[in-house]
Amino acid sequence: MDYQKAQDIWTKKFAGYLALLLIIQVIFGGLTLVMLAPIVMQVGHLLLADLIWITFILMWASFLSNQQNLE
């Protein structure tokens, strides 16, 4: 049972990180539009998009690992 709780905690952590990154991405995207998209801002926006995908994949892997342990 402790292993299952540990996996669930990781899934929740990744979900929290994902939500935070999405909020930052929206704010950063708005700033990029307001500042007429300097190159550095565009690269930062793309970096945030990559971090969102990586976090989503880690969260999904943690979730699937947790589901497999339940069966």
N, C-alpha and C. Protein backbone atom coordinates (compact mmCIF):
# COMPACT_ATOMS: atom_id res chain seq x y z
N MET A 1 0.81 -1.20 0.00
CA MET A 1 0.00 0.00 0.00
C MET A 1 0.86 1.26 0.00
N ASP A 2 2.00 1.25 0.69
CA ASP A 2 2.84 2.43 0.75
C ASP A 2 3.38 2.79 -0.63
N TYR A 3 3.70 1.76 -1.43
CA TYR A 3 4.20 2.00 -2.78
C TYR A 3 3.13 2.69 -3.62
N GLN A 4 1.90 2.26 -3.46
CA GLN A 4 0.79 2.86 -4.21
C GLN A 4 0.61 4.32 -3.81
N LYS A 5 0.70 4.61 -2.53
CA LYS A 5 0.57 6.00 -2.08
C LYS A 5 1.71 6.86 -2.61
N ALA A 6 2.92 6.28 -2.65
CA ALA A 6 4.07 7.02 -3.17
C ALA A 6 3.87 7.34 -4.64
N GLN A 7 3.36 6.39 -5.41
CA GLN A 7 3.09 6.63 -6.83
C GLN A 7 2.01 7.69 -7.00
N ASP A 8 0.98 7.62 -6.16
CA ASP A 8 -0.10 8.60 -6.24
C ASP A 8 0.41 10.00 -5.91
N ILE A 9 1.32 10.08 -4.97
CA ILE A 9 1.91 11.37 -4.61
C ILE A 9 2.69 11.94 -5.79
N TRP A 10 3.44 11.09 -6.50
CA TRP A 10 4.19 11.56 -7.67
C TRP A 10 3.25 12.05 -8.76
N THR A 11 2.16 11.33 -8.96
CA THR A 11 1.19 11.75 -9.97
C THR A 11 0.61 13.11 -9.61
N LYS A 12 0.28 13.30 -8.35
CA LYS A 12 -0.26 14.59 -7.90
C LYS A 12 0.77 15.71 -8.03
N LYS A 13 2.03 15.40 -7.72
CA LYS A 13 3.08 16.41 -7.87
C LYS A 13 3.23 16.84 -9.32
N PHE A 14 3.28 15.85 -10.22
CA PHE A 14 3.41 16.18 -11.63
C PHE A 14 2.20 16.95 -12.14
N ALA A 15 1.02 16.62 -11.63
CA ALA A 15 -0.19 17.36 -12.04
C ALA A 15 -0.11 18.81 -11.56
N GLY A 16 0.40 19.02 -10.37
CA GLY A 16 0.58 20.38 -9.86
C GLY A 16 1.60 21.15 -10.68
N TYR A 17 2.73 20.49 -11.00
CA TYR A 17 3.74 21.14 -11.84
C TYR A 17 3.17 21.49 -13.20
N LEU A 18 2.37 20.57 -13.75
CA LEU A 18 1.77 20.80 -15.07
C LEU A 18 0.83 22.01 -15.04
N ALA A 19 0.01 22.09 -14.01
CA ALA A 19 -0.91 23.23 -13.89
C ALA A 19 -0.13 24.54 -13.76
N LEU A 20 0.93 24.53 -12.97
CA LEU A 20 1.75 25.73 -12.80
C LEU A 20 2.41 26.13 -14.12
N LEU A 21 2.96 25.16 -14.84
CA LEU A 21 3.59 25.45 -16.12
C LEU A 21 2.60 26.00 -17.13
N LEU A 22 1.38 25.47 -17.13
CA LEU A 22 0.37 25.97 -18.06
C LEU A 22 0.00 27.43 -17.76
N ILE A 23 -0.11 27.76 -16.50
CA ILE A 23 -0.40 29.15 -16.12
C ILE A 23 0.74 30.07 -16.54
N ILE A 24 1.97 29.63 -16.28
CA ILE A 24 3.14 30.42 -16.67
C ILE A 24 3.19 30.57 -18.19
N GLN A 25 2.86 29.50 -18.92
CA GLN A 25 2.88 29.53 -20.38
C GLN A 25 1.89 30.57 -20.92
N VAL A 26 0.70 30.61 -20.35
CA VAL A 26 -0.31 31.57 -20.80
C VAL A 26 0.15 33.00 -20.52
N ILE A 27 0.69 33.23 -19.33
CA ILE A 27 1.18 34.57 -18.99
C ILE A 27 2.35 34.96 -19.90
N PHE A 28 3.26 34.02 -20.09
CA PHE A 28 4.42 34.28 -20.94
C PHE A 28 4.00 34.54 -22.38
N GLY A 29 3.00 33.80 -22.85
CA GLY A 29 2.48 34.01 -24.20
C GLY A 29 1.86 35.39 -24.35
N GLY A 30 1.13 35.82 -23.33
CA GLY A 30 0.55 37.17 -23.36
C GLY A 30 1.63 38.24 -23.39
N LEU A 31 2.66 38.05 -22.58
CA LEU A 31 3.77 39.01 -22.58
C LEU A 31 4.48 39.03 -23.93
N THR A 32 4.60 37.86 -24.55
CA THR A 32 5.23 37.78 -25.86
C THR A 32 4.45 38.60 -26.89
N LEU A 33 3.13 38.51 -26.83
CA LEU A 33 2.30 39.28 -27.75
C LEU A 33 2.38 40.78 -27.47
N VAL A 34 2.35 41.14 -26.20
CA VAL A 34 2.39 42.56 -25.84
C VAL A 34 3.73 43.18 -26.24
N MET A 35 4.81 42.42 -26.07
CA MET A 35 6.15 42.94 -26.38
C MET A 35 6.53 42.73 -27.84
N LEU A 36 5.57 42.31 -28.66
CA LEU A 36 5.78 42.08 -30.09
C LEU A 36 6.83 41.00 -30.37
N ALA A 37 6.87 40.00 -29.54
CA ALA A 37 7.62 38.77 -29.71
C ALA A 37 9.11 38.93 -30.03
N PRO A 38 9.89 39.44 -29.08
CA PRO A 38 11.34 39.40 -29.28
C PRO A 38 11.81 37.94 -29.37
N ILE A 39 12.92 37.71 -30.03
CA ILE A 39 13.42 36.35 -30.25
C ILE A 39 13.62 35.61 -28.93
N VAL A 40 14.16 36.28 -27.93
CA VAL A 40 14.40 35.62 -26.64
C VAL A 40 13.08 35.16 -26.03
N MET A 41 12.05 35.97 -26.17
CA MET A 41 10.73 35.59 -25.64
C MET A 41 10.17 34.39 -26.39
N GLN A 42 10.38 34.33 -27.70
CA GLN A 42 9.89 33.20 -28.48
C GLN A 42 10.58 31.92 -28.06
N VAL A 43 11.89 31.99 -27.84
CA VAL A 43 12.64 30.81 -27.40
C VAL A 43 12.17 30.38 -26.01
N GLY A 44 11.94 31.34 -25.13
CA GLY A 44 11.42 31.02 -23.80
C GLY A 44 10.05 30.37 -23.87
N HIS A 45 9.22 30.86 -24.76
CA HIS A 45 7.88 30.29 -24.95
C HIS A 45 7.99 28.83 -25.44
N LEU A 46 8.89 28.56 -26.36
CA LEU A 46 9.10 27.20 -26.85
C LEU A 46 9.68 26.30 -25.76
N LEU A 47 10.57 26.84 -24.94
CA LEU A 47 11.13 26.07 -23.83
C LEU A 47 10.03 25.66 -22.85
N LEU A 48 9.14 26.59 -22.54
CA LEU A 48 8.02 26.27 -21.66
C LEU A 48 7.13 25.20 -22.26
N ALA A 49 6.91 25.25 -23.57
CA ALA A 49 6.10 24.23 -24.23
C ALA A 49 6.75 22.86 -24.10
N ASP A 50 8.07 22.79 -24.26
CA ASP A 50 8.78 21.52 -24.09
C ASP A 50 8.67 21.02 -22.65
N LEU A 51 8.80 21.92 -21.70
CA LEU A 51 8.68 21.52 -20.29
C LEU A 51 7.28 21.00 -19.98
N ILE A 52 6.27 21.59 -20.61
CA ILE A 52 4.90 21.11 -20.41
C ILE A 52 4.76 19.69 -20.93
N TRP A 53 5.29 19.42 -22.12
CA TRP A 53 5.21 18.06 -22.68
C TRP A 53 5.96 17.05 -21.81
N ILE A 54 7.16 17.41 -21.37
CA ILE A 54 7.94 16.50 -20.53
C ILE A 54 7.19 16.21 -19.23
N THR A 55 6.65 17.23 -18.61
CA THR A 55 5.90 17.05 -17.36
C THR A 55 4.66 16.21 -17.59
N PHE A 56 3.96 16.44 -18.71
CA PHE A 56 2.77 15.65 -19.02
C PHE A 56 3.13 14.18 -19.20
N ILE A 57 4.21 13.88 -19.90
CA ILE A 57 4.62 12.49 -20.11
C ILE A 57 5.00 11.85 -18.78
N LEU A 58 5.72 12.56 -17.93
CA LEU A 58 6.08 12.00 -16.62
C LEU A 58 4.85 11.75 -15.76
N MET A 59 3.90 12.68 -15.80
CA MET A 59 2.66 12.50 -15.03
C MET A 59 1.89 11.29 -15.55
N TRP A 60 1.79 11.16 -16.87
CA TRP A 60 1.05 10.05 -17.47
C TRP A 60 1.73 8.72 -17.16
N ALA A 61 3.06 8.68 -17.21
CA ALA A 61 3.79 7.45 -16.89
C ALA A 61 3.57 7.07 -15.43
N SER A 62 3.58 8.05 -14.55
CA SER A 62 3.33 7.79 -13.14
C SER A 62 1.92 7.27 -12.92
N PHE A 63 0.96 7.87 -13.62
CA PHE A 63 -0.43 7.44 -13.52
C PHE A 63 -0.61 6.01 -14.01
N LEU A 64 -0.03 5.70 -15.16
CA LEU A 64 -0.15 4.34 -15.71
C LEU A 64 0.54 3.32 -14.82
N SER A 65 1.67 3.69 -14.25
CA SER A 65 2.37 2.80 -13.33
C SER A 65 1.51 2.52 -12.11
N ASN A 66 0.84 3.55 -11.61
CA ASN A 66 -0.05 3.40 -10.47
C ASN A 66 -1.24 2.50 -10.81
N GLN A 67 -1.80 2.67 -12.01
CA GLN A 67 -2.94 1.85 -12.43
C GLN A 67 -2.55 0.39 -12.59
N GLN A 68 -1.34 0.15 -13.10
CA GLN A 68 -0.89 -1.22 -13.30
C GLN A 68 -0.69 -1.91 -11.95
N ASN A 69 -0.24 -1.16 -10.95
CA ASN A 69 -0.03 -1.74 -9.62
C ASN A 69 -1.35 -2.05 -8.93
N LEU A 70 -2.43 -1.39 -9.33
CA LEU A 70 -3.73 -1.66 -8.72
C LEU A 70 -4.31 -2.98 -9.19
N GLU A 71 -3.94 -3.40 -10.39
CA GLU A 71 -4.51 -4.64 -10.95
C GLU A 71 -3.84 -5.87 -10.43
